[in-house]
N, C-alpha and C. Protein backbone atom coordinates (compact mmCIF):
# COMPACT_ATOMS: atom_id res chain seq x y z
N MET A 1 0.82 -1.19 0.00
CA MET A 1 0.00 0.00 0.00
C MET A 1 0.87 1.25 0.00
N GLY A 2 2.00 1.21 0.72
CA GLY A 2 2.92 2.34 0.76
C GLY A 2 3.54 2.61 -0.59
N ASP A 3 3.83 1.52 -1.35
CA ASP A 3 4.40 1.67 -2.68
C ASP A 3 3.42 2.35 -3.64
N ASN A 4 2.11 2.02 -3.52
CA ASN A 4 1.08 2.65 -4.36
C ASN A 4 0.98 4.14 -4.08
N MET A 5 1.03 4.53 -2.80
CA MET A 5 0.95 5.96 -2.45
C MET A 5 2.17 6.69 -3.00
N LEU A 6 3.33 6.06 -2.93
CA LEU A 6 4.55 6.67 -3.44
C LEU A 6 4.46 6.84 -4.97
N LYS A 7 3.96 5.82 -5.66
CA LYS A 7 3.78 5.90 -7.11
C LYS A 7 2.80 7.01 -7.47
N ASN A 8 1.70 7.13 -6.72
CA ASN A 8 0.71 8.18 -6.97
C ASN A 8 1.32 9.56 -6.78
N LYS A 9 2.18 9.70 -5.75
CA LYS A 9 2.84 11.00 -5.53
C LYS A 9 3.74 11.34 -6.70
N TYR A 10 4.47 10.34 -7.21
CA TYR A 10 5.33 10.58 -8.36
C TYR A 10 4.51 10.95 -9.60
N ILE A 11 3.40 10.28 -9.79
CA ILE A 11 2.54 10.58 -10.93
C ILE A 11 1.99 12.00 -10.82
N VAL A 12 1.53 12.37 -9.63
CA VAL A 12 1.01 13.72 -9.41
C VAL A 12 2.12 14.74 -9.65
N ALA A 13 3.30 14.48 -9.13
CA ALA A 13 4.43 15.39 -9.31
C ALA A 13 4.77 15.52 -10.80
N ALA A 14 4.77 14.40 -11.52
CA ALA A 14 5.07 14.43 -12.96
C ALA A 14 4.02 15.24 -13.72
N ILE A 15 2.76 15.08 -13.35
CA ILE A 15 1.69 15.84 -13.99
C ILE A 15 1.85 17.33 -13.73
N ILE A 16 2.17 17.69 -12.50
CA ILE A 16 2.36 19.10 -12.15
C ILE A 16 3.54 19.69 -12.95
N ILE A 17 4.62 18.94 -13.05
CA ILE A 17 5.79 19.42 -13.81
C ILE A 17 5.42 19.60 -15.28
N MET A 18 4.67 18.65 -15.84
CA MET A 18 4.24 18.77 -17.24
C MET A 18 3.36 20.00 -17.44
N ILE A 19 2.44 20.23 -16.52
CA ILE A 19 1.55 21.39 -16.64
C ILE A 19 2.37 22.68 -16.58
N LEU A 20 3.29 22.77 -15.64
CA LEU A 20 4.14 23.96 -15.52
C LEU A 20 4.98 24.16 -16.79
N PHE A 21 5.54 23.06 -17.30
CA PHE A 21 6.35 23.14 -18.51
C PHE A 21 5.51 23.62 -19.69
N LEU A 22 4.35 23.01 -19.89
CA LEU A 22 3.49 23.39 -21.01
C LEU A 22 3.01 24.82 -20.88
N ASN A 23 2.66 25.23 -19.69
CA ASN A 23 2.23 26.61 -19.47
C ASN A 23 3.37 27.57 -19.77
N GLY A 24 4.58 27.22 -19.36
CA GLY A 24 5.74 28.06 -19.65
C GLY A 24 5.99 28.17 -21.14
N CYS A 25 5.86 27.06 -21.86
CA CYS A 25 6.02 27.09 -23.32
C CYS A 25 4.96 27.96 -23.97
N ARG A 26 3.71 27.87 -23.50
CA ARG A 26 2.62 28.67 -24.04
C ARG A 26 2.90 30.15 -23.80
N ASN A 27 3.34 30.51 -22.59
CA ASN A 27 3.65 31.90 -22.29
C ASN A 27 4.80 32.40 -23.14
N GLN A 28 5.81 31.56 -23.33
CA GLN A 28 6.95 31.95 -24.14
C GLN A 28 6.51 32.19 -25.57
N ALA A 29 5.66 31.34 -26.11
CA ALA A 29 5.19 31.50 -27.48
C ALA A 29 4.40 32.79 -27.64
N SER A 30 3.59 33.15 -26.66
CA SER A 30 2.79 34.37 -26.78
C SER A 30 3.65 35.62 -26.63
N GLU A 31 4.85 35.47 -26.06
CA GLU A 31 5.73 36.62 -25.88
C GLU A 31 6.70 36.80 -27.03
N GLU A 32 6.71 35.86 -27.99
CA GLU A 32 7.61 35.99 -29.12
C GLU A 32 7.27 37.25 -29.89
N GLN A 33 8.31 37.96 -30.31
CA GLN A 33 8.10 39.19 -31.05
C GLN A 33 7.83 38.88 -32.52
N VAL A 34 6.83 39.55 -33.05
CA VAL A 34 6.54 39.46 -34.47
C VAL A 34 7.00 40.78 -35.08
N ILE A 35 7.83 40.68 -36.08
CA ILE A 35 8.38 41.87 -36.72
C ILE A 35 7.76 42.01 -38.11
N ILE A 36 7.30 43.20 -38.40
CA ILE A 36 6.74 43.49 -39.72
C ILE A 36 7.89 43.58 -40.71
N GLU A 37 7.86 42.71 -41.69
CA GLU A 37 8.88 42.71 -42.73
C GLU A 37 8.48 43.73 -43.81
N THR A 38 9.46 44.21 -44.55
CA THR A 38 9.20 45.12 -45.66
C THR A 38 8.29 44.41 -46.68
N PHE A 39 7.30 45.14 -47.19
CA PHE A 39 6.41 44.59 -48.22
C PHE A 39 6.01 45.69 -49.18
N THR A 40 5.48 45.29 -50.33
CA THR A 40 5.05 46.24 -51.35
C THR A 40 3.59 45.98 -51.68
N LEU A 41 2.79 47.05 -51.69
CA LEU A 41 1.39 47.00 -52.10
C LEU A 41 1.10 48.21 -52.96
N SER A 42 -0.04 48.18 -53.64
CA SER A 42 -0.45 49.32 -54.47
C SER A 42 -1.27 50.29 -53.65
N ASP A 43 -1.07 51.60 -53.93
CA ASP A 43 -1.96 52.59 -53.34
C ASP A 43 -3.23 52.62 -54.17
N LEU A 44 -4.13 53.53 -53.86
CA LEU A 44 -5.42 53.55 -54.56
C LEU A 44 -5.33 54.05 -55.99
N ASN A 45 -4.16 54.60 -56.36
CA ASN A 45 -3.93 55.02 -57.75
C ASN A 45 -3.22 53.94 -58.55
N GLY A 46 -2.94 52.80 -57.91
CA GLY A 46 -2.26 51.70 -58.58
C GLY A 46 -0.75 51.78 -58.52
N GLN A 47 -0.21 52.78 -57.84
CA GLN A 47 1.24 52.93 -57.73
C GLN A 47 1.78 51.99 -56.65
N GLU A 48 2.85 51.25 -56.96
CA GLU A 48 3.47 50.34 -56.00
C GLU A 48 4.18 51.15 -54.91
N ILE A 49 3.89 50.80 -53.65
CA ILE A 49 4.47 51.49 -52.49
C ILE A 49 5.22 50.47 -51.66
N LEU A 50 6.50 50.76 -51.38
CA LEU A 50 7.30 49.92 -50.50
C LEU A 50 7.04 50.37 -49.07
N VAL A 51 6.59 49.44 -48.23
CA VAL A 51 6.32 49.75 -46.82
C VAL A 51 7.46 49.17 -46.00
N ASP A 52 8.19 50.08 -45.36
CA ASP A 52 9.30 49.71 -44.48
C ASP A 52 9.13 50.53 -43.21
N ILE A 53 8.78 49.87 -42.12
CA ILE A 53 8.48 50.56 -40.87
C ILE A 53 9.74 51.22 -40.33
N GLU A 54 9.71 52.56 -40.26
CA GLU A 54 10.86 53.30 -39.74
C GLU A 54 10.49 54.18 -38.56
N LYS A 55 9.20 54.31 -38.30
CA LYS A 55 8.76 55.06 -37.13
C LYS A 55 7.53 54.37 -36.56
N PRO A 56 7.15 54.69 -35.33
CA PRO A 56 5.96 54.04 -34.75
C PRO A 56 4.78 54.14 -35.71
N THR A 57 4.04 53.04 -35.82
CA THR A 57 3.00 52.93 -36.84
C THR A 57 1.74 52.30 -36.29
N ILE A 58 0.61 52.85 -36.71
CA ILE A 58 -0.70 52.24 -36.49
C ILE A 58 -1.09 51.64 -37.83
N LEU A 59 -1.14 50.31 -37.89
CA LEU A 59 -1.46 49.61 -39.12
C LEU A 59 -2.79 48.91 -38.93
N THR A 60 -3.77 49.30 -39.74
CA THR A 60 -5.12 48.75 -39.60
C THR A 60 -5.53 48.05 -40.88
N PHE A 61 -6.04 46.83 -40.70
CA PHE A 61 -6.57 46.05 -41.82
C PHE A 61 -8.08 46.18 -41.81
N VAL A 62 -8.64 46.55 -42.96
CA VAL A 62 -10.09 46.74 -43.06
C VAL A 62 -10.63 45.96 -44.25
N ASP A 63 -11.95 45.83 -44.27
CA ASP A 63 -12.62 45.12 -45.35
C ASP A 63 -13.75 45.99 -45.89
N ASN A 64 -13.42 46.80 -46.89
CA ASN A 64 -14.42 47.63 -47.57
C ASN A 64 -15.14 48.65 -46.68
N ILE A 65 -14.57 49.03 -45.57
CA ILE A 65 -15.04 50.13 -44.73
C ILE A 65 -16.50 49.97 -44.33
N LYS A 66 -16.77 48.93 -43.56
CA LYS A 66 -18.10 48.74 -42.99
C LYS A 66 -18.20 49.55 -41.69
N ASP A 67 -19.26 49.36 -40.92
CA ASP A 67 -19.52 50.20 -39.75
C ASP A 67 -18.38 50.22 -38.73
N GLU A 68 -17.88 49.04 -38.33
CA GLU A 68 -16.80 49.01 -37.34
C GLU A 68 -15.53 49.66 -37.88
N GLU A 69 -15.23 49.40 -39.14
CA GLU A 69 -14.05 50.01 -39.75
C GLU A 69 -14.21 51.53 -39.81
N GLN A 70 -15.41 51.95 -40.18
CA GLN A 70 -15.69 53.39 -40.26
C GLN A 70 -15.52 54.05 -38.89
N ALA A 71 -15.99 53.39 -37.84
CA ALA A 71 -15.85 53.92 -36.48
C ALA A 71 -14.37 54.03 -36.10
N GLN A 72 -13.57 52.99 -36.42
CA GLN A 72 -12.15 53.03 -36.08
C GLN A 72 -11.43 54.13 -36.85
N ILE A 73 -11.74 54.25 -38.13
CA ILE A 73 -11.09 55.28 -38.94
C ILE A 73 -11.48 56.67 -38.48
N SER A 74 -12.71 56.86 -38.03
CA SER A 74 -13.13 58.16 -37.48
C SER A 74 -12.33 58.52 -36.24
N ILE A 75 -12.04 57.53 -35.41
CA ILE A 75 -11.23 57.77 -34.22
C ILE A 75 -9.80 58.14 -34.64
N PHE A 76 -9.25 57.44 -35.62
CA PHE A 76 -7.93 57.79 -36.12
C PHE A 76 -7.92 59.23 -36.63
N ARG A 77 -8.96 59.57 -37.35
CA ARG A 77 -9.09 60.91 -37.93
C ARG A 77 -9.09 61.98 -36.84
N ASN A 78 -9.74 61.67 -35.70
CA ASN A 78 -9.80 62.64 -34.61
C ASN A 78 -8.45 62.86 -33.94
N ILE A 79 -7.65 61.79 -33.81
CA ILE A 79 -6.38 61.96 -33.10
C ILE A 79 -5.21 62.25 -34.03
N TYR A 80 -5.41 62.10 -35.31
CA TYR A 80 -4.34 62.30 -36.29
C TYR A 80 -3.62 63.64 -36.11
N PRO A 81 -4.32 64.75 -35.96
CA PRO A 81 -3.60 66.03 -35.81
C PRO A 81 -2.69 66.06 -34.57
N LEU A 82 -3.03 65.29 -33.56
CA LEU A 82 -2.23 65.29 -32.33
C LEU A 82 -0.93 64.51 -32.45
N VAL A 83 -0.91 63.50 -33.31
CA VAL A 83 0.23 62.58 -33.33
C VAL A 83 0.83 62.34 -34.71
N SER A 84 0.39 63.05 -35.72
CA SER A 84 0.81 62.75 -37.09
C SER A 84 2.30 62.93 -37.32
N GLU A 85 2.97 63.74 -36.52
CA GLU A 85 4.42 63.91 -36.68
C GLU A 85 5.18 62.71 -36.16
N GLU A 86 4.65 62.05 -35.12
CA GLU A 86 5.35 60.95 -34.47
C GLU A 86 4.90 59.57 -34.94
N ILE A 87 3.67 59.47 -35.43
CA ILE A 87 3.06 58.17 -35.75
C ILE A 87 2.66 58.12 -37.22
N GLU A 88 2.96 57.00 -37.85
CA GLU A 88 2.52 56.74 -39.23
C GLU A 88 1.20 55.98 -39.17
N PHE A 89 0.24 56.37 -39.97
CA PHE A 89 -1.04 55.65 -40.08
C PHE A 89 -1.10 54.97 -41.44
N ILE A 90 -1.31 53.65 -41.42
CA ILE A 90 -1.44 52.89 -42.67
C ILE A 90 -2.73 52.07 -42.58
N ILE A 91 -3.51 52.13 -43.64
CA ILE A 91 -4.74 51.34 -43.73
C ILE A 91 -4.60 50.41 -44.92
N ILE A 92 -4.79 49.12 -44.67
CA ILE A 92 -4.66 48.11 -45.72
C ILE A 92 -5.98 47.36 -45.84
N GLY A 93 -6.41 47.16 -47.06
CA GLY A 93 -7.62 46.39 -47.30
C GLY A 93 -7.52 45.63 -48.60
N SER A 94 -8.43 44.73 -48.80
CA SER A 94 -8.56 44.08 -50.11
C SER A 94 -9.85 44.64 -50.69
N PHE A 95 -9.73 45.83 -51.20
CA PHE A 95 -10.91 46.59 -51.62
C PHE A 95 -11.46 46.10 -52.94
N GLU A 96 -12.78 45.97 -52.97
CA GLU A 96 -13.44 45.57 -54.22
C GLU A 96 -13.30 46.67 -55.26
N SER A 97 -13.44 47.89 -54.81
CA SER A 97 -13.37 49.02 -55.72
C SER A 97 -12.50 50.10 -55.11
N ALA A 98 -11.30 50.24 -55.63
CA ALA A 98 -10.39 51.27 -55.11
C ALA A 98 -11.00 52.66 -55.27
N LYS A 99 -11.75 52.86 -56.34
CA LYS A 99 -12.39 54.17 -56.54
C LYS A 99 -13.40 54.46 -55.45
N GLN A 100 -14.19 53.46 -55.08
CA GLN A 100 -15.20 53.63 -54.04
C GLN A 100 -14.52 54.01 -52.72
N ILE A 101 -13.44 53.33 -52.37
CA ILE A 101 -12.72 53.61 -51.14
C ILE A 101 -12.07 54.98 -51.22
N SER A 102 -11.48 55.30 -52.36
CA SER A 102 -10.84 56.60 -52.55
C SER A 102 -11.85 57.72 -52.33
N THR A 103 -13.06 57.54 -52.84
CA THR A 103 -14.12 58.54 -52.67
C THR A 103 -14.43 58.75 -51.19
N LYS A 104 -14.49 57.67 -50.42
CA LYS A 104 -14.77 57.80 -49.00
C LYS A 104 -13.68 58.58 -48.27
N PHE A 105 -12.43 58.42 -48.72
CA PHE A 105 -11.33 59.09 -48.04
C PHE A 105 -11.12 60.52 -48.51
N GLU A 106 -11.70 60.91 -49.63
CA GLU A 106 -11.57 62.29 -50.10
C GLU A 106 -12.09 63.28 -49.06
N ALA A 107 -13.20 62.95 -48.40
CA ALA A 107 -13.77 63.84 -47.39
C ALA A 107 -12.81 64.01 -46.22
N TYR A 108 -12.07 62.95 -45.89
CA TYR A 108 -11.12 63.03 -44.77
C TYR A 108 -9.95 63.96 -45.09
N LYS A 109 -9.55 64.00 -46.34
CA LYS A 109 -8.41 64.85 -46.72
C LYS A 109 -8.68 66.31 -46.41
N GLU A 110 -9.96 66.70 -46.48
CA GLU A 110 -10.31 68.09 -46.16
C GLU A 110 -9.96 68.41 -44.70
N ASP A 111 -10.02 67.39 -43.84
CA ASP A 111 -9.67 67.58 -42.43
C ASP A 111 -8.17 67.42 -42.18
N GLY A 112 -7.41 67.10 -43.22
CA GLY A 112 -5.98 66.90 -43.05
C GLY A 112 -5.60 65.47 -42.71
N PHE A 113 -6.55 64.56 -42.68
CA PHE A 113 -6.27 63.16 -42.37
C PHE A 113 -5.90 62.44 -43.65
N GLU A 114 -4.61 62.12 -43.81
CA GLU A 114 -4.14 61.46 -45.01
C GLU A 114 -3.29 60.24 -44.67
N PRO A 115 -3.93 59.17 -44.22
CA PRO A 115 -3.16 57.95 -43.96
C PRO A 115 -2.71 57.34 -45.29
N LEU A 116 -1.72 56.49 -45.22
CA LEU A 116 -1.33 55.72 -46.38
C LEU A 116 -2.36 54.61 -46.54
N ILE A 117 -3.06 54.58 -47.67
CA ILE A 117 -4.11 53.59 -47.92
C ILE A 117 -3.62 52.66 -49.02
N LEU A 118 -3.55 51.37 -48.67
CA LEU A 118 -3.00 50.40 -49.61
C LEU A 118 -4.00 49.29 -49.89
N ASN A 119 -3.96 48.79 -51.11
CA ASN A 119 -4.86 47.74 -51.53
C ASN A 119 -4.10 46.42 -51.64
N ASP A 120 -4.50 45.46 -50.83
CA ASP A 120 -3.88 44.13 -50.84
C ASP A 120 -4.76 43.22 -51.69
N GLU A 121 -4.72 43.44 -53.00
CA GLU A 121 -5.60 42.71 -53.93
C GLU A 121 -5.46 41.20 -53.82
N THR A 122 -4.26 40.72 -53.65
CA THR A 122 -4.02 39.28 -53.59
C THR A 122 -4.23 38.71 -52.19
N GLY A 123 -4.28 39.59 -51.18
CA GLY A 123 -4.44 39.13 -49.80
C GLY A 123 -3.15 38.61 -49.20
N SER A 124 -2.02 38.84 -49.85
CA SER A 124 -0.75 38.27 -49.38
C SER A 124 -0.32 38.82 -48.02
N VAL A 125 -0.45 40.12 -47.82
CA VAL A 125 -0.06 40.71 -46.53
C VAL A 125 -1.07 40.31 -45.45
N ILE A 126 -2.33 40.32 -45.81
CA ILE A 126 -3.39 39.90 -44.88
C ILE A 126 -3.13 38.47 -44.41
N LYS A 127 -2.79 37.59 -45.33
CA LYS A 127 -2.49 36.20 -44.97
C LYS A 127 -1.21 36.10 -44.16
N ASN A 128 -0.18 36.85 -44.57
CA ASN A 128 1.12 36.79 -43.91
C ASN A 128 1.03 37.14 -42.43
N TYR A 129 0.15 38.07 -42.08
CA TYR A 129 0.01 38.49 -40.68
C TYR A 129 -1.23 37.90 -40.02
N ASN A 130 -1.79 36.86 -40.66
CA ASN A 130 -2.89 36.09 -40.08
C ASN A 130 -4.07 36.96 -39.67
N ILE A 131 -4.48 37.85 -40.55
CA ILE A 131 -5.60 38.75 -40.28
C ILE A 131 -6.88 38.02 -40.65
N LYS A 132 -7.73 37.82 -39.65
CA LYS A 132 -8.98 37.09 -39.87
C LYS A 132 -10.22 37.96 -39.63
N ASN A 133 -10.07 39.04 -38.86
CA ASN A 133 -11.20 39.90 -38.53
C ASN A 133 -10.93 41.32 -39.00
N SER A 134 -12.01 42.05 -39.19
CA SER A 134 -11.89 43.43 -39.63
C SER A 134 -12.77 44.31 -38.74
N PRO A 135 -12.22 45.37 -38.20
CA PRO A 135 -10.84 45.81 -38.35
C PRO A 135 -9.89 45.06 -37.41
N THR A 136 -8.66 44.91 -37.85
CA THR A 136 -7.58 44.45 -36.99
C THR A 136 -6.54 45.54 -36.99
N THR A 137 -6.14 45.98 -35.81
CA THR A 137 -5.16 47.05 -35.70
C THR A 137 -3.90 46.52 -35.04
N LEU A 138 -2.77 46.84 -35.66
CA LEU A 138 -1.46 46.50 -35.11
C LEU A 138 -0.77 47.79 -34.72
N ILE A 139 -0.25 47.84 -33.51
CA ILE A 139 0.54 48.98 -33.07
C ILE A 139 1.98 48.51 -33.09
N ILE A 140 2.81 49.22 -33.86
CA ILE A 140 4.15 48.76 -34.19
C ILE A 140 5.18 49.81 -33.77
N ASP A 141 6.26 49.34 -33.13
CA ASP A 141 7.31 50.29 -32.74
C ASP A 141 8.22 50.58 -33.94
N ARG A 142 9.18 51.48 -33.76
CA ARG A 142 10.02 51.91 -34.88
C ARG A 142 10.93 50.81 -35.43
N GLU A 143 11.12 49.74 -34.67
CA GLU A 143 11.91 48.60 -35.16
C GLU A 143 11.03 47.60 -35.93
N GLY A 144 9.74 47.89 -36.01
CA GLY A 144 8.84 47.02 -36.74
C GLY A 144 8.24 45.91 -35.90
N VAL A 145 8.44 45.96 -34.58
CA VAL A 145 7.91 44.94 -33.68
C VAL A 145 6.46 45.26 -33.34
N ILE A 146 5.59 44.27 -33.53
CA ILE A 146 4.18 44.46 -33.16
C ILE A 146 4.10 44.41 -31.64
N ILE A 147 3.67 45.52 -31.02
CA ILE A 147 3.57 45.55 -29.56
C ILE A 147 2.14 45.39 -29.08
N LYS A 148 1.17 45.56 -29.99
CA LYS A 148 -0.24 45.37 -29.63
C LYS A 148 -0.99 44.96 -30.88
N ARG A 149 -1.87 44.01 -30.71
CA ARG A 149 -2.74 43.54 -31.79
C ARG A 149 -4.15 43.47 -31.23
N THR A 150 -5.11 44.11 -31.90
CA THR A 150 -6.48 44.07 -31.43
C THR A 150 -7.45 43.96 -32.59
N THR A 151 -8.55 43.26 -32.34
CA THR A 151 -9.59 43.12 -33.36
C THR A 151 -10.85 43.88 -32.95
N GLU A 152 -10.72 44.69 -31.92
CA GLU A 152 -11.87 45.51 -31.53
C GLU A 152 -11.57 46.96 -31.81
N VAL A 153 -12.62 47.76 -31.92
CA VAL A 153 -12.44 49.18 -32.17
C VAL A 153 -11.81 49.81 -30.94
N LEU A 154 -10.68 50.48 -31.14
CA LEU A 154 -10.00 51.18 -30.04
C LEU A 154 -10.65 52.54 -29.84
N THR A 155 -11.05 52.83 -28.62
CA THR A 155 -11.59 54.16 -28.33
C THR A 155 -10.45 55.17 -28.41
N GLU A 156 -10.81 56.45 -28.49
CA GLU A 156 -9.78 57.49 -28.53
C GLU A 156 -8.87 57.40 -27.31
N ASP A 157 -9.46 57.24 -26.12
CA ASP A 157 -8.66 57.17 -24.89
C ASP A 157 -7.71 55.99 -24.91
N ARG A 158 -8.19 54.81 -25.30
CA ARG A 158 -7.33 53.63 -25.34
C ARG A 158 -6.23 53.77 -26.40
N LEU A 159 -6.59 54.33 -27.53
CA LEU A 159 -5.61 54.51 -28.59
C LEU A 159 -4.54 55.52 -28.17
N LEU A 160 -4.96 56.63 -27.58
CA LEU A 160 -3.99 57.62 -27.11
C LEU A 160 -3.10 57.05 -26.02
N ASP A 161 -3.66 56.22 -25.14
CA ASP A 161 -2.87 55.56 -24.11
C ASP A 161 -1.82 54.65 -24.74
N GLN A 162 -2.22 53.88 -25.74
CA GLN A 162 -1.27 52.99 -26.43
C GLN A 162 -0.18 53.80 -27.13
N ILE A 163 -0.57 54.90 -27.75
CA ILE A 163 0.41 55.75 -28.45
C ILE A 163 1.37 56.38 -27.44
N GLU A 164 0.84 56.83 -26.32
CA GLU A 164 1.70 57.41 -25.28
C GLU A 164 2.72 56.39 -24.79
N ARG A 165 2.26 55.16 -24.53
CA ARG A 165 3.20 54.10 -24.12
C ARG A 165 4.23 53.82 -25.19
N LEU A 166 3.77 53.75 -26.42
CA LEU A 166 4.66 53.49 -27.54
C LEU A 166 5.73 54.56 -27.64
N LEU A 167 5.32 55.81 -27.58
CA LEU A 167 6.29 56.90 -27.71
C LEU A 167 7.22 56.99 -26.50
N SER A 168 6.71 56.70 -25.32
CA SER A 168 7.57 56.75 -24.13
C SER A 168 8.62 55.62 -24.18
N GLU A 169 8.26 54.47 -24.74
CA GLU A 169 9.23 53.38 -24.90
C GLU A 169 10.27 53.73 -25.94
N GLN A 170 9.89 54.52 -26.93
CA GLN A 170 10.83 54.91 -27.97
C GLN A 170 11.90 55.87 -27.42
N ILE A 171 11.50 56.66 -26.42
CA ILE A 171 12.43 57.63 -25.83
C ILE A 171 13.38 56.92 -24.87
N ALA A 172 12.85 55.93 -24.14
CA ALA A 172 13.64 55.25 -23.10
C ALA A 172 14.82 54.50 -23.67
């Protein structure tokens, strides 16, 4: 009977060690840095644009500017004047009609909001960064490391908080 209790203790100990090990591996995997590699996409005029992250960037993937995307872009538009010198705004989509999207953004230009808008016709960048929901926003530091990924609409306060953290880390 004593041998059975000892075996059970070893089994329990082995299970606990496995759980701790697997949990550690899971945490390590979630902490791995994803770096945005240089890529080329077309702007809405069909001109090829090389994207190479050199300053903090808000990169948002959208799908034909539906309600949630429109809400997120409106928030970007509101804070753009406050941070446009320090932060790059890029919007990427697989737009059905570049003209239709361009028309929607013409009104924003009057307010001075001019993000880089790129069309991922083939979906290669969308696939490369595993974008499944729209909008998906990536907050990227100047080295191209994704420091935040979200699939929900960021409020102005949350976005400004993220930008403040991003910029303070850039100074440190």
